[in-house]
N, C-alpha and C. Protein backbone atom coordinates (compact mmCIF):
# COMPACT_ATOMS: atom_id res chain seq x y z
N UNK A 1 98.59 83.28 107.34
CA UNK A 1 98.59 84.79 107.49
C UNK A 1 99.13 85.52 106.32
N UNK A 2 98.50 86.45 105.80
CA UNK A 2 98.84 87.26 104.73
C UNK A 2 99.04 88.71 105.02
N UNK A 3 100.19 89.28 104.55
CA UNK A 3 100.45 90.67 104.57
C UNK A 3 100.69 91.34 103.30
N UNK A 4 100.05 92.36 103.12
CA UNK A 4 100.29 93.23 101.90
C UNK A 4 100.95 94.49 102.19
N UNK A 5 101.97 95.01 101.54
CA UNK A 5 102.60 96.31 101.72
C UNK A 5 102.63 97.08 100.47
N UNK A 6 102.40 98.37 100.61
CA UNK A 6 102.38 99.30 99.53
C UNK A 6 101.72 98.89 98.24
N UNK A 7 100.36 98.68 98.20
CA UNK A 7 99.66 98.28 97.10
C UNK A 7 99.76 99.56 96.11
N UNK A 8 99.92 99.14 94.81
CA UNK A 8 100.21 100.36 93.77
C UNK A 8 98.90 100.57 92.99
N UNK A 9 98.77 101.67 92.50
CA UNK A 9 97.72 101.99 91.36
C UNK A 9 98.07 101.40 90.22
N UNK A 10 97.11 100.82 89.61
CA UNK A 10 97.51 100.24 88.22
C UNK A 10 98.00 101.11 87.20
N UNK A 11 97.96 102.42 87.28
CA UNK A 11 98.36 103.40 86.32
C UNK A 11 99.92 103.34 86.25
N UNK A 12 100.53 102.64 87.19
CA UNK A 12 102.03 102.39 87.06
C UNK A 12 102.35 101.55 86.08
N UNK A 13 101.48 100.75 85.63
CA UNK A 13 101.73 99.86 84.39
C UNK A 13 101.67 98.37 84.77
N UNK A 14 101.29 98.02 86.04
CA UNK A 14 101.08 96.69 86.50
C UNK A 14 99.56 96.38 86.91
N UNK A 15 99.03 95.35 86.75
CA UNK A 15 97.71 95.00 87.16
C UNK A 15 97.76 94.64 88.62
N UNK A 16 97.07 95.10 89.50
CA UNK A 16 97.02 94.73 90.81
C UNK A 16 95.98 93.63 91.07
N UNK A 17 96.48 92.43 91.54
CA UNK A 17 95.42 91.31 91.66
C UNK A 17 94.48 91.59 92.85
N UNK A 18 93.20 91.15 92.64
CA UNK A 18 92.39 91.23 93.75
C UNK A 18 92.51 90.34 94.84
N UNK A 19 93.06 90.79 95.85
CA UNK A 19 93.35 89.96 97.04
C UNK A 19 92.74 90.47 98.28
N UNK A 20 92.66 89.61 99.33
CA UNK A 20 92.30 90.03 100.67
C UNK A 20 93.48 89.70 101.57
N UNK A 21 93.59 90.59 102.67
CA UNK A 21 94.76 90.38 103.56
C UNK A 21 94.36 90.53 104.91
N UNK A 22 95.11 90.01 105.81
CA UNK A 22 94.93 90.22 107.39
C UNK A 22 95.48 91.68 107.73
N UNK A 23 96.73 91.82 107.23
CA UNK A 23 97.50 93.12 107.49
C UNK A 23 97.93 93.95 106.37
N UNK A 24 97.63 95.10 106.26
CA UNK A 24 98.16 95.94 105.14
C UNK A 24 98.86 97.14 105.71
N UNK A 25 100.18 97.32 105.25
CA UNK A 25 101.05 98.46 105.63
C UNK A 25 101.27 99.34 104.50
N UNK A 26 101.37 100.46 104.71
CA UNK A 26 101.70 101.54 103.69
C UNK A 26 102.78 102.47 104.07
N UNK A 27 103.85 102.47 103.41
CA UNK A 27 104.97 103.22 103.85
C UNK A 27 104.87 104.75 103.52
N UNK A 28 104.14 105.24 102.71
CA UNK A 28 103.97 106.67 102.49
C UNK A 28 102.81 106.79 101.40
N UNK A 29 102.28 108.19 101.51
CA UNK A 29 101.07 108.43 100.82
C UNK A 29 101.16 108.93 99.40
N UNK A 30 101.80 108.06 98.45
CA UNK A 30 101.96 108.33 97.01
C UNK A 30 101.13 107.25 96.20
N UNK A 31 100.71 107.72 95.10
CA UNK A 31 99.68 106.75 94.42
C UNK A 31 100.27 105.39 93.99
N UNK A 32 101.67 105.34 93.96
CA UNK A 32 102.18 104.03 93.64
C UNK A 32 102.50 103.14 94.81
N UNK A 33 102.02 103.67 95.94
CA UNK A 33 102.18 102.80 97.24
C UNK A 33 100.89 102.79 98.07
N UNK A 34 99.85 103.53 97.82
CA UNK A 34 98.76 103.67 98.71
C UNK A 34 97.44 103.31 98.24
N UNK A 35 97.37 102.42 97.11
CA UNK A 35 96.13 102.09 96.49
C UNK A 35 95.34 101.03 97.37
N UNK A 36 94.96 101.42 98.53
CA UNK A 36 94.26 100.52 99.41
C UNK A 36 92.93 99.99 98.93
N UNK A 37 92.28 100.93 98.13
CA UNK A 37 90.89 100.57 97.56
C UNK A 37 91.01 99.43 96.53
N UNK A 38 92.22 99.13 96.02
CA UNK A 38 92.48 98.03 95.00
C UNK A 38 92.29 96.65 95.75
N UNK A 39 92.40 96.62 97.09
CA UNK A 39 92.33 95.29 97.67
C UNK A 39 90.77 94.81 97.93
N UNK A 40 90.51 93.68 97.91
CA UNK A 40 89.16 93.23 98.17
C UNK A 40 88.77 93.56 99.73
N UNK A 41 89.81 93.24 100.70
CA UNK A 41 89.45 93.60 102.05
C UNK A 41 90.77 93.34 102.80
N UNK A 42 90.72 94.05 103.99
CA UNK A 42 91.93 93.99 104.91
C UNK A 42 91.35 94.17 106.34
N UNK A 43 92.05 93.53 107.35
CA UNK A 43 91.52 93.64 108.66
C UNK A 43 92.31 94.68 109.44
N UNK A 44 93.57 94.93 109.26
CA UNK A 44 94.33 95.91 109.91
C UNK A 44 95.07 96.74 108.99
N UNK A 45 94.89 98.07 109.01
CA UNK A 45 95.60 98.94 108.08
C UNK A 45 96.77 99.72 108.98
N UNK A 46 97.88 99.75 108.64
CA UNK A 46 99.02 100.39 109.30
C UNK A 46 99.51 101.45 108.20
N UNK A 47 98.96 102.72 108.25
CA UNK A 47 99.20 103.62 107.20
C UNK A 47 100.24 104.67 107.65
N UNK A 48 101.53 104.39 107.35
CA UNK A 48 102.63 105.27 107.80
C UNK A 48 102.85 105.51 109.33
N UNK A 49 102.18 104.61 110.06
CA UNK A 49 102.30 104.75 111.52
C UNK A 49 103.70 104.17 111.88
N UNK A 50 104.20 104.78 113.00
CA UNK A 50 105.50 104.41 113.65
C UNK A 50 105.07 103.64 114.97
N UNK A 51 106.01 102.97 115.45
CA UNK A 51 105.81 102.22 116.63
C UNK A 51 105.64 100.73 116.62
N UNK A 52 105.11 100.06 117.63
CA UNK A 52 105.14 98.72 117.57
C UNK A 52 103.52 98.06 117.43
N UNK A 53 103.44 97.01 116.78
CA UNK A 53 101.99 96.57 116.42
C UNK A 53 102.17 94.98 116.48
N UNK A 54 101.13 94.41 116.68
CA UNK A 54 101.09 92.91 116.64
C UNK A 54 99.72 92.41 116.27
N UNK A 55 99.82 91.20 115.52
CA UNK A 55 98.53 90.48 115.04
C UNK A 55 98.83 89.12 114.83
N UNK A 56 98.10 88.31 115.63
CA UNK A 56 98.20 86.82 115.37
C UNK A 56 99.60 86.29 115.37
N UNK A 57 100.37 86.96 116.44
CA UNK A 57 101.78 86.32 116.53
C UNK A 57 102.81 87.16 115.77
N UNK A 58 102.40 87.97 114.83
CA UNK A 58 103.40 88.80 113.96
C UNK A 58 103.61 90.16 114.55
N UNK A 59 104.92 90.32 114.82
CA UNK A 59 105.37 91.52 115.39
C UNK A 59 105.74 92.61 114.16
N UNK A 60 105.12 93.77 114.15
CA UNK A 60 105.42 94.75 113.23
C UNK A 60 106.02 96.06 113.92
N UNK A 61 107.08 96.64 113.36
CA UNK A 61 107.53 97.88 114.02
C UNK A 61 107.76 98.90 112.89
N UNK A 62 107.27 100.22 112.99
CA UNK A 62 107.47 101.18 112.12
C UNK A 62 108.50 102.19 112.54
N UNK A 63 109.37 102.73 111.65
CA UNK A 63 110.49 103.52 111.92
C UNK A 63 110.41 104.71 110.95
N UNK A 64 110.34 105.98 111.55
CA UNK A 64 110.21 107.21 110.79
C UNK A 64 111.61 107.41 110.05
N UNK A 65 111.29 107.75 108.63
CA UNK A 65 112.39 108.15 107.80
C UNK A 65 111.81 109.08 106.83
N UNK A 66 112.71 109.51 105.75
CA UNK A 66 112.24 110.44 104.75
C UNK A 66 112.41 109.91 103.30
N UNK A 67 111.47 110.37 102.45
CA UNK A 67 111.54 110.08 101.10
C UNK A 67 112.53 110.78 100.23
N UNK A 68 113.35 111.47 100.90
CA UNK A 68 114.50 112.19 100.21
C UNK A 68 115.65 112.49 101.13
N UNK A 69 116.60 113.22 100.80
CA UNK A 69 117.65 113.49 101.73
C UNK A 69 117.71 114.97 102.17
N UNK A 70 116.51 115.48 102.10
CA UNK A 70 116.27 116.88 102.73
C UNK A 70 115.19 116.95 103.86
N UNK A 71 115.13 115.75 104.58
CA UNK A 71 114.18 115.56 105.63
C UNK A 71 112.74 115.90 105.12
N UNK A 72 112.38 115.28 104.06
CA UNK A 72 111.01 115.36 103.57
C UNK A 72 110.55 116.64 102.80
N UNK A 73 111.49 117.54 102.63
CA UNK A 73 111.11 118.78 101.94
C UNK A 73 110.66 118.51 100.46
N UNK A 74 111.28 117.55 99.86
CA UNK A 74 111.01 117.30 98.55
C UNK A 74 109.93 116.35 98.32
N UNK A 75 109.83 115.25 99.12
CA UNK A 75 108.90 114.15 98.77
C UNK A 75 108.17 113.69 100.04
N UNK A 76 108.44 114.21 101.20
CA UNK A 76 107.74 113.87 102.36
C UNK A 76 108.23 112.77 103.10
N UNK A 77 107.51 112.22 104.28
CA UNK A 77 107.90 111.22 105.13
C UNK A 77 107.80 109.86 104.37
N UNK A 78 108.46 108.97 105.07
CA UNK A 78 108.51 107.50 104.57
C UNK A 78 108.60 106.67 105.92
N UNK A 79 107.93 105.53 105.93
CA UNK A 79 108.06 104.74 107.16
C UNK A 79 108.64 103.40 106.86
N UNK A 80 109.64 102.94 107.41
CA UNK A 80 110.27 101.66 107.31
C UNK A 80 109.53 100.72 108.19
N UNK A 81 109.33 99.63 107.71
CA UNK A 81 108.53 98.54 108.50
C UNK A 81 109.33 97.22 108.63
N UNK A 82 109.37 96.65 109.81
CA UNK A 82 109.93 95.30 110.01
C UNK A 82 108.75 94.41 110.34
N UNK A 83 108.89 93.13 110.00
CA UNK A 83 107.91 92.12 110.22
C UNK A 83 108.61 90.98 110.80
N UNK A 84 108.31 90.45 111.94
CA UNK A 84 108.81 89.28 112.61
C UNK A 84 107.72 88.13 112.57
N UNK A 85 108.03 87.24 111.81
CA UNK A 85 107.18 86.05 111.45
C UNK A 85 107.95 84.67 111.65
N UNK A 86 107.49 83.97 112.52
CA UNK A 86 108.16 82.51 112.68
C UNK A 86 109.73 82.63 112.82
N UNK A 87 110.16 83.64 113.66
CA UNK A 87 111.59 83.79 113.86
C UNK A 87 112.33 84.35 112.71
N UNK A 88 111.70 84.83 111.66
CA UNK A 88 112.24 85.40 110.60
C UNK A 88 112.05 86.89 110.55
N UNK A 89 112.98 87.75 110.39
CA UNK A 89 112.67 89.22 110.29
C UNK A 89 112.93 89.83 109.04
N UNK A 90 111.83 90.44 108.50
CA UNK A 90 111.84 91.20 107.12
C UNK A 90 111.83 92.55 107.33
N UNK A 91 112.66 93.34 106.49
CA UNK A 91 112.66 94.80 106.59
C UNK A 91 112.21 95.35 105.28
N UNK A 92 111.25 96.18 105.31
CA UNK A 92 110.82 96.80 103.97
C UNK A 92 111.11 98.28 104.23
N UNK A 93 112.05 98.86 103.21
CA UNK A 93 112.47 100.20 103.33
C UNK A 93 111.45 101.26 102.72
N UNK A 94 110.41 100.67 102.07
CA UNK A 94 109.52 101.74 101.47
C UNK A 94 110.34 102.47 100.47
N UNK A 95 110.05 103.80 100.22
CA UNK A 95 110.88 104.71 99.32
C UNK A 95 111.83 105.45 100.05
N UNK A 96 112.75 104.76 100.79
CA UNK A 96 113.88 105.47 101.49
C UNK A 96 114.73 106.38 100.57
N UNK A 97 114.88 107.67 101.07
CA UNK A 97 115.57 108.65 100.25
C UNK A 97 116.87 109.09 100.81
N UNK A 98 117.38 108.38 101.89
CA UNK A 98 118.66 108.88 102.45
C UNK A 98 119.29 107.72 103.09
N UNK A 99 120.58 107.71 103.37
CA UNK A 99 121.15 106.64 104.04
C UNK A 99 120.74 106.71 105.66
N UNK A 100 120.82 105.47 106.23
CA UNK A 100 120.48 105.37 107.54
C UNK A 100 121.47 105.75 108.48
N UNK A 101 121.26 106.43 109.60
CA UNK A 101 122.09 106.76 110.57
C UNK A 101 122.41 105.47 111.45
N UNK A 102 123.61 105.48 112.13
CA UNK A 102 123.95 104.29 112.95
C UNK A 102 122.82 104.16 114.01
N UNK A 103 122.14 105.09 114.48
CA UNK A 103 120.95 104.95 115.37
C UNK A 103 119.90 104.18 114.81
N UNK A 104 119.56 104.58 113.46
CA UNK A 104 118.55 103.94 112.79
C UNK A 104 118.94 102.31 112.66
N UNK A 105 120.00 102.06 112.12
CA UNK A 105 120.45 100.80 111.96
C UNK A 105 120.42 99.94 113.26
N UNK A 106 120.77 100.46 114.29
CA UNK A 106 120.79 99.87 115.58
C UNK A 106 119.37 99.59 116.00
N UNK A 107 118.39 100.52 115.77
CA UNK A 107 116.94 100.26 116.11
C UNK A 107 116.34 99.35 115.35
N UNK A 108 116.63 99.26 114.01
CA UNK A 108 115.99 98.18 113.18
C UNK A 108 116.54 96.79 113.60
N UNK A 109 117.86 96.78 114.01
CA UNK A 109 118.40 95.37 114.52
C UNK A 109 118.71 94.48 113.48
N UNK A 110 118.80 93.19 113.77
CA UNK A 110 119.19 92.17 112.96
C UNK A 110 117.98 91.83 111.92
N UNK A 111 118.49 91.76 110.61
CA UNK A 111 117.39 91.69 109.68
C UNK A 111 117.75 90.33 108.72
N UNK A 112 116.89 89.43 108.54
CA UNK A 112 117.16 88.19 107.65
C UNK A 112 116.89 88.52 106.22
N UNK A 113 115.73 89.32 105.93
CA UNK A 113 115.45 89.63 104.56
C UNK A 113 115.20 91.16 104.43
N UNK A 114 115.84 91.81 103.49
CA UNK A 114 115.81 93.22 103.19
C UNK A 114 115.09 93.57 101.97
N UNK A 115 113.98 94.24 101.85
CA UNK A 115 113.40 94.72 100.67
C UNK A 115 113.80 96.18 100.56
N UNK A 116 114.52 96.50 99.44
CA UNK A 116 115.18 97.85 99.32
C UNK A 116 114.92 98.33 97.85
N UNK A 117 114.63 99.67 97.75
CA UNK A 117 114.46 100.28 96.44
C UNK A 117 115.84 100.37 95.75
N UNK A 118 115.89 100.11 94.37
CA UNK A 118 117.21 100.02 93.86
C UNK A 118 117.25 100.93 92.53
N UNK A 119 116.01 101.54 92.19
CA UNK A 119 115.94 102.20 90.86
C UNK A 119 116.49 103.66 90.92
N UNK A 120 116.70 104.21 92.10
CA UNK A 120 117.41 105.60 92.19
C UNK A 120 116.33 106.66 91.85
N UNK A 121 116.82 107.84 91.57
CA UNK A 121 116.03 109.17 91.35
C UNK A 121 115.03 109.49 92.39
N UNK A 122 113.98 108.72 92.69
CA UNK A 122 113.14 109.04 93.78
C UNK A 122 113.47 108.59 95.12
N UNK A 123 114.54 107.65 95.09
CA UNK A 123 114.99 107.02 96.30
C UNK A 123 116.47 107.00 96.40
N UNK A 124 117.11 106.35 97.46
CA UNK A 124 118.60 106.26 97.52
C UNK A 124 119.21 105.90 96.14
N UNK A 125 120.30 106.47 95.95
CA UNK A 125 121.04 106.12 94.68
C UNK A 125 121.88 104.81 94.89
N UNK A 126 122.55 104.53 93.80
CA UNK A 126 123.15 103.22 93.66
C UNK A 126 124.34 103.03 94.80
N UNK A 127 125.15 104.04 95.10
CA UNK A 127 126.07 103.97 96.18
C UNK A 127 125.35 103.93 97.51
N UNK A 128 124.32 104.62 97.76
CA UNK A 128 123.67 104.57 99.02
C UNK A 128 122.95 103.11 99.21
N UNK A 129 122.45 102.50 98.10
CA UNK A 129 121.90 101.28 98.21
C UNK A 129 122.91 100.29 98.77
N UNK A 130 124.15 100.26 98.18
CA UNK A 130 125.20 99.33 98.54
C UNK A 130 125.59 99.60 100.06
N UNK A 131 125.68 100.97 100.35
CA UNK A 131 125.88 101.18 101.73
C UNK A 131 124.90 100.74 102.72
N UNK A 132 123.65 100.99 102.33
CA UNK A 132 122.55 100.43 103.31
C UNK A 132 122.53 98.90 103.37
N UNK A 133 122.78 98.21 102.36
CA UNK A 133 122.81 96.80 102.40
C UNK A 133 123.99 96.34 103.25
N UNK A 134 125.04 97.01 103.13
CA UNK A 134 126.26 96.68 104.04
C UNK A 134 125.99 96.91 105.41
N UNK A 135 125.33 98.18 105.83
CA UNK A 135 125.02 98.34 107.23
C UNK A 135 123.92 97.44 107.74
N UNK A 136 122.96 97.05 107.18
CA UNK A 136 121.85 96.24 107.72
C UNK A 136 122.41 94.87 107.76
N UNK A 137 123.10 94.41 106.67
CA UNK A 137 123.82 93.14 106.72
C UNK A 137 122.74 91.99 106.61
N UNK A 138 121.85 91.85 105.73
CA UNK A 138 120.91 90.83 105.74
C UNK A 138 121.38 89.62 105.07
N UNK A 139 120.71 88.55 105.05
CA UNK A 139 121.10 87.23 104.49
C UNK A 139 120.52 87.28 102.90
N UNK A 140 119.34 87.89 102.81
CA UNK A 140 118.75 87.98 101.58
C UNK A 140 118.23 89.30 101.13
N UNK A 141 118.45 89.83 99.94
CA UNK A 141 117.98 90.99 99.57
C UNK A 141 116.90 90.85 98.44
N UNK A 142 115.83 91.51 98.69
CA UNK A 142 114.76 91.60 97.57
C UNK A 142 114.80 92.98 96.99
N UNK A 143 115.23 93.29 95.72
CA UNK A 143 115.21 94.60 95.24
C UNK A 143 113.78 94.95 94.75
N UNK A 144 113.47 96.17 94.80
CA UNK A 144 112.04 96.80 94.40
C UNK A 144 112.35 98.13 93.89
N UNK A 145 111.17 98.75 93.34
CA UNK A 145 111.28 100.03 92.88
C UNK A 145 112.29 100.41 91.81
N UNK A 146 112.33 99.54 90.72
CA UNK A 146 113.21 99.79 89.59
C UNK A 146 112.32 99.82 88.24
N UNK A 147 113.01 100.29 87.28
CA UNK A 147 112.48 100.45 85.93
C UNK A 147 112.20 99.26 85.16
N UNK A 148 111.01 99.10 84.56
CA UNK A 148 110.76 97.97 83.64
C UNK A 148 110.17 98.64 82.36
N UNK A 149 109.88 97.77 81.34
CA UNK A 149 109.12 98.22 80.14
C UNK A 149 107.80 98.54 80.58
N UNK A 150 107.11 97.99 81.50
CA UNK A 150 105.88 98.35 81.88
C UNK A 150 105.69 99.65 82.66
N UNK A 151 106.71 100.03 83.27
CA UNK A 151 106.64 101.23 84.14
C UNK A 151 107.19 102.45 83.25
N UNK A 152 107.77 102.24 82.21
CA UNK A 152 108.45 103.31 81.36
C UNK A 152 107.52 104.39 80.95
N UNK A 153 106.26 103.97 80.57
CA UNK A 153 105.18 105.09 80.10
C UNK A 153 104.99 106.09 81.14
N UNK A 154 105.09 105.60 82.47
CA UNK A 154 104.80 106.52 83.74
C UNK A 154 105.90 107.19 84.13
N UNK A 155 106.96 106.47 84.33
CA UNK A 155 108.19 107.00 84.90
C UNK A 155 109.33 107.28 84.04
N UNK A 156 109.05 107.03 82.70
CA UNK A 156 110.03 107.15 81.55
C UNK A 156 111.24 106.52 81.97
N UNK A 157 112.42 107.16 81.92
CA UNK A 157 113.72 106.49 82.03
C UNK A 157 114.23 107.01 83.51
N UNK A 158 113.48 107.37 84.41
CA UNK A 158 113.96 107.97 85.71
C UNK A 158 114.40 106.82 86.69
N UNK A 159 113.71 105.57 86.49
CA UNK A 159 114.26 104.48 87.29
C UNK A 159 115.16 103.53 86.54
N UNK A 160 116.16 103.24 87.17
CA UNK A 160 117.23 102.28 86.50
C UNK A 160 116.68 100.90 86.59
N UNK A 161 117.12 100.07 85.68
CA UNK A 161 116.55 98.70 85.69
C UNK A 161 117.31 97.81 86.74
N UNK A 162 116.76 96.71 87.05
CA UNK A 162 117.14 95.90 88.23
C UNK A 162 118.57 95.41 87.83
N UNK A 163 118.81 95.16 86.56
CA UNK A 163 120.13 94.57 86.17
C UNK A 163 121.33 95.57 86.55
N UNK A 164 121.00 96.94 86.65
CA UNK A 164 122.22 97.66 87.10
C UNK A 164 122.56 97.31 88.45
N UNK A 165 121.56 97.03 89.34
CA UNK A 165 121.78 96.61 90.71
C UNK A 165 122.51 95.29 90.78
N UNK A 166 121.89 94.40 90.13
CA UNK A 166 122.33 92.94 90.35
C UNK A 166 123.74 92.82 89.74
N UNK A 167 124.09 93.38 88.67
CA UNK A 167 125.37 93.21 88.08
C UNK A 167 126.44 93.92 89.12
N UNK A 168 126.23 94.89 89.75
CA UNK A 168 127.00 95.53 90.67
C UNK A 168 127.25 94.66 91.91
N UNK A 169 126.04 94.18 92.55
CA UNK A 169 126.24 93.44 93.86
C UNK A 169 126.68 92.12 93.56
N UNK A 170 126.64 91.56 92.32
CA UNK A 170 127.23 90.27 92.08
C UNK A 170 128.67 90.28 92.15
N UNK A 171 129.21 91.41 91.61
CA UNK A 171 130.66 91.62 91.73
C UNK A 171 131.22 91.58 93.13
N UNK A 172 130.31 91.70 94.13
CA UNK A 172 130.78 91.79 95.45
C UNK A 172 130.56 90.37 96.19
N UNK A 173 130.16 89.35 95.24
CA UNK A 173 130.11 88.01 95.78
C UNK A 173 128.65 87.60 96.08
N UNK A 174 127.72 88.29 95.83
CA UNK A 174 126.36 87.87 96.11
C UNK A 174 125.90 87.03 94.97
N UNK A 175 125.02 86.07 95.40
CA UNK A 175 124.39 85.09 94.36
C UNK A 175 123.09 85.71 94.02
N UNK A 176 122.80 85.71 92.73
CA UNK A 176 121.53 86.17 92.09
C UNK A 176 120.64 84.98 91.83
N UNK A 177 119.50 85.07 92.37
CA UNK A 177 118.34 84.19 91.97
C UNK A 177 117.08 84.92 91.53
N UNK A 178 116.23 84.32 90.76
CA UNK A 178 115.04 84.84 90.21
C UNK A 178 113.77 83.81 90.41
N UNK A 179 112.66 84.31 90.60
CA UNK A 179 111.47 83.49 90.70
C UNK A 179 110.33 84.30 91.01
N UNK A 180 109.10 83.58 90.91
CA UNK A 180 107.80 84.16 91.30
C UNK A 180 107.47 84.16 92.74
N UNK A 181 108.23 83.18 93.55
CA UNK A 181 107.81 83.01 94.90
C UNK A 181 109.09 82.71 95.76
N UNK A 182 109.17 83.39 96.79
CA UNK A 182 110.42 83.14 97.75
C UNK A 182 109.74 82.51 98.92
N UNK A 183 110.10 81.25 99.26
CA UNK A 183 109.63 80.49 100.32
C UNK A 183 110.87 80.37 101.36
N UNK A 184 110.53 80.71 102.71
CA UNK A 184 111.66 80.69 103.65
C UNK A 184 111.34 80.03 104.92
N UNK A 185 112.12 79.39 105.64
CA UNK A 185 112.01 78.82 106.97
C UNK A 185 113.23 79.29 107.60
N UNK A 186 113.11 79.47 108.98
CA UNK A 186 114.38 79.78 109.74
C UNK A 186 115.42 78.77 109.43
N UNK A 187 114.99 77.48 109.37
CA UNK A 187 116.12 76.46 109.14
C UNK A 187 116.79 76.70 107.75
N UNK A 188 116.10 77.05 106.83
CA UNK A 188 116.52 77.23 105.49
C UNK A 188 117.50 78.41 105.58
N UNK A 189 117.18 79.45 106.31
CA UNK A 189 118.05 80.67 106.40
C UNK A 189 119.32 80.34 107.08
N UNK A 190 119.17 79.47 108.11
CA UNK A 190 120.39 79.18 108.91
C UNK A 190 121.34 78.36 108.05
N UNK A 191 120.91 77.59 107.09
CA UNK A 191 121.77 76.83 106.13
C UNK A 191 122.21 77.53 104.94
N UNK A 192 121.76 78.78 104.77
CA UNK A 192 122.11 79.53 103.54
C UNK A 192 123.54 79.97 103.57
N UNK A 193 124.34 79.39 102.69
CA UNK A 193 125.75 79.69 102.66
C UNK A 193 126.10 80.94 101.93
N UNK A 194 125.41 81.30 100.81
CA UNK A 194 125.69 82.41 100.06
C UNK A 194 124.72 83.72 100.33
N UNK A 195 125.33 84.85 100.61
CA UNK A 195 124.23 86.08 100.63
C UNK A 195 123.60 86.13 99.16
N UNK A 196 122.29 86.31 99.32
CA UNK A 196 121.56 86.12 97.99
C UNK A 196 120.62 87.18 97.68
N UNK A 197 120.68 87.64 96.43
CA UNK A 197 119.57 88.57 96.02
C UNK A 197 118.59 87.73 95.20
N UNK A 198 117.33 87.99 95.67
CA UNK A 198 116.24 87.29 94.92
C UNK A 198 115.35 88.28 94.28
N UNK A 199 115.37 88.23 92.93
CA UNK A 199 114.60 89.12 92.02
C UNK A 199 113.14 88.42 91.77
N UNK A 200 112.31 89.01 92.32
CA UNK A 200 110.92 88.46 92.14
C UNK A 200 110.28 88.80 90.76
N UNK A 201 109.63 87.84 90.16
CA UNK A 201 108.87 88.18 88.92
C UNK A 201 107.82 89.13 89.06
N UNK A 202 107.58 90.08 88.22
CA UNK A 202 106.67 91.10 88.42
C UNK A 202 105.43 90.89 87.44
N UNK A 203 105.42 89.91 86.55
CA UNK A 203 104.46 89.69 85.60
C UNK A 203 103.38 88.58 86.04
């Protein structure tokens, strides 16, 4: 089973591989997250929708949020998605622009893997990132939406590099790992001793 979330327009500086997927989710309608025509095919599209969905045993829930801290007045709505697969729960925050309320955190529930934007400017800032991780309390964090050499021609220096985030969270005792593929099982998660940040290769 394959899930794709927030496919990006190649104009952001990265080549989008030609792939097919069973499920496609889009957190918000911006060009760097909504390039659905870049996929070969998909069977189910969840485009900013909230509520509960299921497909082949995978449970998906969408939660309303905002792309900014002014209730969408600056950048519009954003949808947080959780995916439950083989007893593992993954939370993708999209381009979250504000801290979550206690009610939001309670609704999302226990999370194993948190995908969170860490580059700031368009999304939550550095302090809000750390607070959000603390509130959700995942075992693994996958940072996203940060600045790279490839993205600089489009976003210039608005997005902070991932190293700003990893150096800060490492000081709080988190282990940093890097690689092109993160493979998980519930058994592996249960045996995980250190809270871990996994930085995925983007090339």
